[in-house]
């Protein structure tokens, strides 16, 4: 998987060092949440986490195949996720798109229920 700035992903902690927290991401990629992401609380914060914990992070930069991640900026609206199909929806059209997505999901659930009943 190729990661782009703004992608929100879940990762699993594989190492905690003085530099920060290293995560394993889907596609066997890894990235770093630099200690500066935690501000002045790094010494206290790093003790909250342990190997194997899952975290939701955002890709904040890519450089020579290395991924910079952030926990504090996951909800930053300035980091638009390029893979989120709602990213380019205007506020005016959002309700229409959301209703269509909901209807499509309900239709798919009904199809799956029918398949299960028929088997």
N, C-alpha and C. Protein backbone atom coordinates (compact mmCIF):
# COMPACT_ATOMS: atom_id res chain seq x y z
N UNK A 1 0.85 -1.18 0.00
CA UNK A 1 0.00 0.00 0.00
C UNK A 1 0.89 1.24 0.00
N UNK A 2 0.55 2.19 -0.85
CA UNK A 2 1.29 3.44 -0.89
C UNK A 2 0.56 4.45 -0.02
N UNK A 3 1.28 4.99 0.94
CA UNK A 3 0.68 5.95 1.87
C UNK A 3 0.90 7.37 1.38
N UNK A 4 -0.12 8.21 1.60
CA UNK A 4 -0.07 9.61 1.21
C UNK A 4 -0.35 10.46 2.44
N UNK A 5 0.15 11.69 2.42
CA UNK A 5 -0.11 12.62 3.51
C UNK A 5 -1.62 12.78 3.66
N UNK A 6 -2.09 12.64 4.88
CA UNK A 6 -3.51 12.76 5.19
C UNK A 6 -4.19 11.43 5.43
N UNK A 7 -3.58 10.31 4.99
CA UNK A 7 -4.18 9.00 5.22
C UNK A 7 -4.31 8.74 6.72
N UNK A 8 -5.49 8.32 7.13
CA UNK A 8 -5.71 7.87 8.51
C UNK A 8 -5.63 6.36 8.51
N UNK A 9 -4.81 5.80 9.39
CA UNK A 9 -4.61 4.36 9.44
C UNK A 9 -4.48 3.90 10.88
N UNK A 10 -4.74 2.62 11.08
CA UNK A 10 -4.49 1.99 12.38
C UNK A 10 -3.15 1.28 12.30
N UNK A 11 -2.37 1.41 13.34
CA UNK A 11 -1.08 0.75 13.39
C UNK A 11 -0.88 0.11 14.75
N UNK A 12 0.06 -0.81 14.81
CA UNK A 12 0.36 -1.51 16.05
C UNK A 12 1.76 -1.11 16.51
N UNK A 13 1.88 -0.76 17.78
CA UNK A 13 3.18 -0.34 18.32
C UNK A 13 4.14 -1.52 18.29
N UNK A 14 5.32 -1.29 17.67
CA UNK A 14 6.34 -2.34 17.66
C UNK A 14 7.60 -1.93 18.41
N UNK A 15 7.72 -0.62 18.76
CA UNK A 15 8.87 -0.19 19.53
C UNK A 15 8.60 1.19 20.11
N UNK A 16 9.09 1.42 21.33
CA UNK A 16 8.99 2.72 21.97
C UNK A 16 10.41 3.10 22.40
N UNK A 17 10.89 4.22 21.87
CA UNK A 17 12.25 4.66 22.17
C UNK A 17 12.21 6.12 22.61
N UNK A 18 13.38 6.68 22.92
CA UNK A 18 13.44 8.10 23.26
C UNK A 18 13.06 8.97 22.06
N UNK A 19 13.24 8.43 20.85
CA UNK A 19 12.90 9.17 19.63
C UNK A 19 11.39 9.27 19.42
N UNK A 20 10.65 8.24 19.85
CA UNK A 20 9.21 8.25 19.68
C UNK A 20 8.65 6.83 19.64
N UNK A 21 7.48 6.70 19.05
CA UNK A 21 6.78 5.42 18.97
C UNK A 21 6.79 4.94 17.53
N UNK A 22 7.27 3.73 17.32
CA UNK A 22 7.28 3.12 15.99
C UNK A 22 6.08 2.21 15.86
N UNK A 23 5.39 2.33 14.72
CA UNK A 23 4.19 1.54 14.47
C UNK A 23 4.38 0.68 13.23
N UNK A 24 3.77 -0.51 13.25
CA UNK A 24 3.66 -1.32 12.05
C UNK A 24 2.28 -1.03 11.46
N UNK A 25 2.27 -0.67 10.19
CA UNK A 25 1.04 -0.30 9.50
C UNK A 25 0.64 -1.40 8.52
N UNK A 26 -0.60 -1.38 8.03
CA UNK A 26 -1.00 -2.35 7.01
C UNK A 26 -0.04 -2.32 5.82
N UNK A 27 0.18 -3.47 5.23
CA UNK A 27 1.10 -3.57 4.11
C UNK A 27 2.54 -3.72 4.56
N UNK A 28 2.73 -4.09 5.83
CA UNK A 28 4.06 -4.30 6.41
C UNK A 28 4.95 -3.07 6.29
N UNK A 29 4.35 -1.90 6.41
CA UNK A 29 5.10 -0.65 6.43
C UNK A 29 5.22 -0.20 7.87
N UNK A 30 6.17 0.65 8.14
CA UNK A 30 6.31 1.18 9.49
C UNK A 30 6.46 2.68 9.42
N UNK A 31 6.16 3.31 10.53
CA UNK A 31 6.26 4.76 10.62
C UNK A 31 6.57 5.16 12.05
N UNK A 32 6.87 6.42 12.23
CA UNK A 32 7.28 6.94 13.54
C UNK A 32 6.39 8.11 13.95
N UNK A 33 5.92 8.05 15.18
CA UNK A 33 5.32 9.23 15.82
C UNK A 33 6.46 9.84 16.62
N UNK A 34 6.98 10.95 16.16
CA UNK A 34 8.12 11.59 16.83
C UNK A 34 7.69 12.09 18.21
N UNK A 35 8.61 12.06 19.15
CA UNK A 35 8.29 12.46 20.52
C UNK A 35 7.74 13.88 20.60
N UNK A 36 8.10 14.74 19.65
CA UNK A 36 7.61 16.12 19.66
C UNK A 36 6.10 16.20 19.45
N UNK A 37 5.50 15.14 18.90
CA UNK A 37 4.05 15.10 18.71
C UNK A 37 3.32 15.13 20.05
N UNK A 38 4.01 14.75 21.11
CA UNK A 38 3.42 14.71 22.45
C UNK A 38 3.73 15.96 23.25
N UNK A 39 4.44 16.91 22.65
CA UNK A 39 4.79 18.16 23.33
C UNK A 39 5.69 17.92 24.52
N UNK A 40 5.46 18.67 25.56
CA UNK A 40 6.27 18.56 26.78
C UNK A 40 5.90 17.35 27.62
N UNK A 41 4.90 16.59 27.20
CA UNK A 41 4.42 15.45 27.99
C UNK A 41 5.04 14.13 27.58
N UNK A 42 6.06 14.11 26.72
CA UNK A 42 6.58 12.87 26.18
C UNK A 42 7.00 11.88 27.26
N UNK A 43 7.74 12.32 28.26
CA UNK A 43 8.22 11.38 29.29
C UNK A 43 7.06 10.69 30.00
N UNK A 44 6.01 11.42 30.27
CA UNK A 44 4.84 10.83 30.92
C UNK A 44 4.01 10.01 29.93
N UNK A 45 3.82 10.56 28.73
CA UNK A 45 2.98 9.90 27.72
C UNK A 45 3.53 8.56 27.26
N UNK A 46 4.84 8.46 27.09
CA UNK A 46 5.39 7.21 26.55
C UNK A 46 5.13 6.03 27.48
N UNK A 47 4.88 6.30 28.75
CA UNK A 47 4.58 5.22 29.70
C UNK A 47 3.14 4.74 29.60
N UNK A 48 2.30 5.50 28.91
CA UNK A 48 0.89 5.10 28.73
C UNK A 48 0.75 3.98 27.71
N UNK A 49 1.74 3.81 26.85
CA UNK A 49 1.65 2.88 25.73
C UNK A 49 2.55 1.68 25.95
N UNK A 50 2.16 0.57 25.31
CA UNK A 50 2.99 -0.64 25.40
C UNK A 50 3.01 -1.33 24.03
N UNK A 51 3.99 -2.19 23.85
CA UNK A 51 4.10 -2.93 22.60
C UNK A 51 2.81 -3.70 22.34
N UNK A 52 2.37 -3.67 21.10
CA UNK A 52 1.14 -4.38 20.72
C UNK A 52 -0.11 -3.53 20.76
N UNK A 53 -0.04 -2.34 21.39
CA UNK A 53 -1.21 -1.45 21.40
C UNK A 53 -1.52 -0.99 19.98
N UNK A 54 -2.80 -0.87 19.68
CA UNK A 54 -3.22 -0.34 18.38
C UNK A 54 -3.53 1.13 18.53
N UNK A 55 -3.12 1.91 17.53
CA UNK A 55 -3.35 3.35 17.55
C UNK A 55 -3.86 3.82 16.19
N UNK A 56 -4.72 4.81 16.21
CA UNK A 56 -5.19 5.48 14.98
C UNK A 56 -4.32 6.71 14.79
N UNK A 57 -3.66 6.81 13.65
CA UNK A 57 -2.74 7.91 13.38
C UNK A 57 -2.99 8.48 11.99
N UNK A 58 -2.36 9.60 11.71
CA UNK A 58 -2.43 10.23 10.39
C UNK A 58 -1.01 10.36 9.86
N UNK A 59 -0.87 10.13 8.56
CA UNK A 59 0.43 10.32 7.90
C UNK A 59 0.61 11.82 7.70
N UNK A 60 1.70 12.38 8.26
CA UNK A 60 1.93 13.82 8.14
C UNK A 60 3.04 14.14 7.14
N UNK A 61 3.90 13.17 6.85
CA UNK A 61 4.87 13.37 5.78
C UNK A 61 5.48 12.04 5.36
N UNK A 62 5.95 12.02 4.14
CA UNK A 62 6.68 10.86 3.61
C UNK A 62 7.99 11.39 3.05
N UNK A 63 9.07 10.71 3.38
CA UNK A 63 10.38 11.15 2.90
C UNK A 63 11.26 9.94 2.69
N UNK A 64 11.65 9.71 1.44
CA UNK A 64 12.51 8.58 1.09
C UNK A 64 11.97 7.26 1.65
N UNK A 65 10.67 7.09 1.53
CA UNK A 65 10.04 5.85 1.97
C UNK A 65 9.74 5.77 3.46
N UNK A 66 10.13 6.80 4.21
CA UNK A 66 9.86 6.81 5.65
C UNK A 66 8.59 7.61 5.91
N UNK A 67 7.79 7.10 6.81
CA UNK A 67 6.51 7.73 7.12
C UNK A 67 6.57 8.44 8.45
N UNK A 68 6.22 9.71 8.45
CA UNK A 68 6.05 10.47 9.67
C UNK A 68 4.58 10.42 10.05
N UNK A 69 4.32 10.06 11.29
CA UNK A 69 2.94 9.88 11.75
C UNK A 69 2.63 10.85 12.88
N UNK A 70 1.35 11.09 13.10
CA UNK A 70 0.93 11.93 14.21
C UNK A 70 -0.32 11.36 14.85
N UNK A 71 -0.31 11.36 16.16
CA UNK A 71 -1.48 10.99 16.93
C UNK A 71 -2.30 12.24 17.24
N UNK A 72 -1.61 13.34 17.52
CA UNK A 72 -2.29 14.56 17.92
C UNK A 72 -3.04 15.24 16.77
N UNK A 73 -2.69 14.92 15.52
CA UNK A 73 -3.32 15.59 14.38
C UNK A 73 -4.31 14.69 13.63
N UNK A 74 -4.74 13.60 14.24
CA UNK A 74 -5.68 12.69 13.57
C UNK A 74 -6.94 13.42 13.13
N UNK A 75 -7.43 14.35 13.92
CA UNK A 75 -8.66 15.06 13.59
C UNK A 75 -8.41 16.43 12.97
N UNK A 76 -7.21 16.68 12.49
CA UNK A 76 -6.86 17.96 11.88
C UNK A 76 -7.54 18.08 10.52
N UNK A 77 -8.48 19.03 10.37
CA UNK A 77 -9.20 19.17 9.09
C UNK A 77 -8.30 19.65 7.95
N UNK A 78 -7.13 20.19 8.27
CA UNK A 78 -6.22 20.63 7.21
C UNK A 78 -5.48 19.47 6.56
N UNK A 79 -5.48 18.31 7.20
CA UNK A 79 -4.87 17.10 6.62
C UNK A 79 -5.98 16.26 6.02
N UNK A 80 -6.33 16.55 4.79
CA UNK A 80 -7.43 15.87 4.11
C UNK A 80 -6.94 14.50 3.65
N UNK A 81 -7.71 13.46 3.97
CA UNK A 81 -7.38 12.10 3.57
C UNK A 81 -7.73 11.93 2.09
N UNK A 82 -6.72 11.74 1.23
CA UNK A 82 -7.00 11.64 -0.21
C UNK A 82 -7.80 10.39 -0.60
N UNK A 83 -7.85 9.40 0.27
CA UNK A 83 -8.59 8.18 -0.03
C UNK A 83 -10.01 8.19 0.54
N UNK A 84 -10.38 9.24 1.23
CA UNK A 84 -11.72 9.34 1.80
C UNK A 84 -12.65 9.91 0.74
N UNK A 85 -13.65 9.12 0.33
CA UNK A 85 -14.51 9.56 -0.76
C UNK A 85 -15.39 10.74 -0.39
N UNK A 86 -15.45 11.09 0.89
CA UNK A 86 -16.23 12.25 1.31
C UNK A 86 -15.39 13.52 1.35
N UNK A 87 -14.08 13.41 1.14
CA UNK A 87 -13.18 14.57 1.26
C UNK A 87 -13.53 15.69 0.32
N UNK A 88 -13.99 15.37 -0.87
CA UNK A 88 -14.24 16.41 -1.86
C UNK A 88 -15.72 16.78 -1.96
N UNK A 89 -16.53 16.25 -1.07
CA UNK A 89 -17.96 16.55 -1.07
C UNK A 89 -18.18 17.90 -0.41
N UNK A 90 -18.91 18.74 -1.08
CA UNK A 90 -19.21 20.05 -0.50
C UNK A 90 -20.22 19.87 0.64
N UNK A 91 -20.22 20.83 1.51
CA UNK A 91 -21.15 20.78 2.65
C UNK A 91 -22.59 20.68 2.16
N UNK A 92 -22.87 21.37 1.07
CA UNK A 92 -24.22 21.39 0.48
C UNK A 92 -24.65 19.99 0.04
N UNK A 93 -23.72 19.21 -0.52
CA UNK A 93 -24.04 17.89 -1.06
C UNK A 93 -23.84 16.74 -0.06
N UNK A 94 -23.30 17.05 1.11
CA UNK A 94 -22.94 16.00 2.05
C UNK A 94 -24.14 15.13 2.45
N UNK A 95 -25.26 15.73 2.77
CA UNK A 95 -26.44 14.97 3.20
C UNK A 95 -26.90 14.02 2.10
N UNK A 96 -26.91 14.49 0.86
CA UNK A 96 -27.32 13.65 -0.26
C UNK A 96 -26.38 12.44 -0.42
N UNK A 97 -25.09 12.70 -0.36
CA UNK A 97 -24.10 11.63 -0.50
C UNK A 97 -24.20 10.65 0.66
N UNK A 98 -24.37 11.17 1.87
CA UNK A 98 -24.49 10.30 3.05
C UNK A 98 -25.74 9.43 2.96
N UNK A 99 -26.87 10.00 2.53
CA UNK A 99 -28.10 9.22 2.39
C UNK A 99 -27.95 8.13 1.33
N UNK A 100 -27.29 8.43 0.22
CA UNK A 100 -27.07 7.43 -0.82
C UNK A 100 -26.17 6.31 -0.30
N UNK A 101 -25.13 6.68 0.42
CA UNK A 101 -24.22 5.68 0.98
C UNK A 101 -24.96 4.78 1.96
N UNK A 102 -25.80 5.37 2.79
CA UNK A 102 -26.59 4.61 3.75
C UNK A 102 -27.56 3.66 3.04
N UNK A 103 -28.22 4.14 2.00
CA UNK A 103 -29.15 3.29 1.24
C UNK A 103 -28.40 2.14 0.57
N UNK A 104 -27.23 2.44 -0.03
CA UNK A 104 -26.44 1.39 -0.67
C UNK A 104 -26.01 0.33 0.35
N UNK A 105 -25.64 0.77 1.54
CA UNK A 105 -25.23 -0.17 2.59
C UNK A 105 -26.41 -1.04 3.01
N UNK A 106 -27.58 -0.45 3.18
CA UNK A 106 -28.77 -1.22 3.55
C UNK A 106 -29.12 -2.24 2.48
N UNK A 107 -29.04 -1.83 1.21
CA UNK A 107 -29.31 -2.75 0.10
C UNK A 107 -28.34 -3.92 0.12
N UNK A 108 -27.07 -3.62 0.36
CA UNK A 108 -26.05 -4.69 0.41
C UNK A 108 -26.30 -5.64 1.58
N UNK A 109 -26.71 -5.11 2.71
CA UNK A 109 -27.02 -5.95 3.88
C UNK A 109 -28.19 -6.87 3.56
N UNK A 110 -29.21 -6.34 2.89
CA UNK A 110 -30.37 -7.16 2.51
C UNK A 110 -29.96 -8.28 1.55
N UNK A 111 -29.08 -7.98 0.60
CA UNK A 111 -28.59 -9.02 -0.32
C UNK A 111 -27.86 -10.12 0.44
N UNK A 112 -27.02 -9.70 1.38
CA UNK A 112 -26.26 -10.68 2.16
C UNK A 112 -27.18 -11.54 3.03
N UNK A 113 -28.19 -10.92 3.61
CA UNK A 113 -29.17 -11.69 4.42
C UNK A 113 -29.87 -12.72 3.55
N UNK A 114 -30.25 -12.32 2.32
CA UNK A 114 -30.93 -13.24 1.41
C UNK A 114 -30.01 -14.41 1.07
N UNK A 115 -28.74 -14.14 0.81
CA UNK A 115 -27.79 -15.21 0.49
C UNK A 115 -27.68 -16.19 1.69
N UNK A 116 -27.62 -15.63 2.89
CA UNK A 116 -27.52 -16.49 4.08
C UNK A 116 -28.77 -17.34 4.28
N UNK A 117 -29.93 -16.76 4.04
CA UNK A 117 -31.19 -17.49 4.20
C UNK A 117 -31.30 -18.59 3.14
N UNK A 118 -30.89 -18.29 1.91
CA UNK A 118 -30.99 -19.25 0.82
C UNK A 118 -30.02 -20.43 0.99
N UNK A 119 -28.96 -20.22 1.74
CA UNK A 119 -27.98 -21.30 1.96
C UNK A 119 -28.34 -22.02 3.17
